[in-house]
Amino acid sequence: MGSKIYVGGLPYSTTEQQLSDLFAVHGAVTSARIITDKFTGQSRGFGFVEMSGDSEAQAAINALNGTQFGGRTLTVNEARPQEPRSGGGGGRGMGGGQH
């Protein structure tokens, strides 16, 4: 089981291969994924990298967090588990009806 790393502040033109190459210097990358907008396919400026070992992941976090990549400052840290999404999202406001 590898370690999952959050990478924020990516230039929108970054490819998954470039992201993988950036982290490969610090150890074996098992996957690199850029998160894109589901409607436009445009990068959202962040992604996730999985590395094969915890020590490699920690070394990459320490080395890359706060560094410049493509003119932008990276935020690199251990990925937190995804929060479960609630089906809510605002009420169905029915106020203001005609009298």
Protein backbone atom coordinates (compact mmCIF):
# COMPACT_ATOMS: atom_id res chain seq x y z
CA MET A 1 0.00 0.00 0.00
CA GLY A 2 1.45 3.31 -1.06
CA SER A 3 1.07 6.82 0.20
CA LYS A 4 -1.26 9.29 -1.49
CA ILE A 5 -0.09 12.88 -1.83
CA TYR A 6 -2.15 15.98 -2.61
CA VAL A 7 -0.49 18.45 -5.00
CA GLY A 8 -2.07 21.90 -5.31
CA GLY A 9 -1.05 25.02 -7.21
CA LEU A 10 -0.30 23.20 -10.44
CA PRO A 11 -0.19 25.19 -13.66
CA TYR A 12 -3.33 24.36 -15.67
CA SER A 13 -1.15 23.07 -18.52
CA THR A 14 0.55 20.38 -16.38
CA THR A 15 0.22 16.84 -17.71
CA GLU A 16 0.03 13.67 -15.63
CA GLN A 17 3.39 12.63 -17.09
CA GLN A 18 5.01 15.89 -15.93
CA LEU A 19 3.52 15.42 -12.47
CA SER A 20 4.84 11.85 -12.33
CA ASP A 21 8.30 12.96 -13.48
CA LEU A 22 8.40 15.69 -10.82
CA PHE A 23 7.87 13.12 -8.05
CA ALA A 24 9.90 10.27 -9.60
CA VAL A 25 13.10 12.02 -8.51
CA HIS A 26 12.11 11.17 -4.91
CA GLY A 27 11.01 7.55 -5.38
CA ALA A 28 8.77 5.14 -7.25
CA VAL A 29 5.52 6.74 -8.43
CA THR A 30 2.65 4.26 -8.72
CA SER A 31 0.16 6.79 -10.13
CA ALA A 32 -0.21 10.49 -10.92
CA ARG A 33 -3.59 12.04 -11.62
CA ILE A 34 -4.56 15.59 -12.54
CA ILE A 35 -8.10 16.49 -11.46
CA THR A 36 -10.15 18.02 -14.27
CA ASP A 37 -13.49 19.75 -14.50
CA LYS A 38 -16.06 17.12 -15.46
CA PHE A 39 -17.80 19.43 -17.92
CA THR A 40 -14.93 21.21 -19.67
CA GLY A 41 -12.09 18.72 -19.17
CA GLN A 42 -9.86 21.65 -18.07
CA SER A 43 -7.38 21.04 -15.26
CA ARG A 44 -8.54 22.32 -11.88
CA GLY A 45 -4.95 23.06 -10.83
CA PHE A 46 -4.45 20.15 -8.46
CA GLY A 47 -3.86 16.44 -8.49
CA PHE A 48 -2.79 13.39 -6.56
CA VAL A 49 0.34 11.27 -6.67
CA GLU A 50 0.69 7.82 -5.16
CA MET A 51 4.14 6.60 -4.21
CA SER A 52 5.14 3.07 -3.34
CA GLY A 53 6.54 3.83 0.12
CA ASP A 54 5.77 6.11 3.03
CA SER A 55 9.38 7.27 3.37
CA GLU A 56 9.54 8.17 -0.34
CA ALA A 57 6.27 10.05 -0.07
CA GLN A 58 7.47 11.98 2.97
CA ALA A 59 10.75 12.84 1.23
CA ALA A 60 8.81 14.15 -1.79
CA ILE A 61 6.49 16.22 0.42
CA ASN A 62 9.44 17.73 2.30
CA ALA A 63 11.35 18.46 -0.91
CA LEU A 64 8.51 19.86 -3.05
CA ASN A 65 6.12 21.71 -0.72
CA GLY A 66 6.46 25.46 -1.29
CA THR A 67 8.65 25.10 -4.39
CA GLN A 68 8.02 26.75 -7.75
CA PHE A 69 6.75 24.70 -10.69
CA GLY A 70 5.78 26.37 -13.95
CA GLY A 71 5.72 29.77 -12.25
CA ARG A 72 3.36 28.69 -9.46
CA THR A 73 4.03 27.72 -5.85
CA LEU A 74 3.14 24.12 -5.07
CA THR A 75 1.26 22.95 -2.00
CA VAL A 76 2.27 19.35 -1.35
CA ASN A 77 1.01 17.33 1.60
CA GLU A 78 -0.41 13.98 2.60
CA ALA A 79 -3.83 13.51 1.05
CA ARG A 80 -6.69 13.27 3.49
CA PRO A 81 -9.45 10.74 2.92
CA GLN A 82 -12.23 12.12 0.76
CA GLU A 83 -15.08 13.49 2.80
CA PRO A 84 -18.36 11.69 2.17
CA ARG A 85 -20.60 13.97 0.18
CA SER A 86 -24.04 14.64 1.51
CA GLY A 87 -26.94 14.57 -0.87
CA GLY A 88 -28.13 17.88 0.56
CA GLY A 89 -26.95 21.10 -0.90
CA GLY A 90 -29.47 23.74 -0.06
CA GLY A 91 -33.14 23.49 0.62
CA ARG A 92 -35.92 23.75 -1.85
CA GLY A 93 -36.93 27.27 -0.89
CA MET A 94 -40.57 27.69 -1.73
CA GLY A 95 -40.98 31.08 -0.12
CA GLY A 96 -42.15 34.20 -1.86
CA GLY A 97 -45.11 32.60 -3.54
CA GLN A 98 -48.08 34.58 -4.80
CA HIS A 99 -50.89 35.26 -2.37
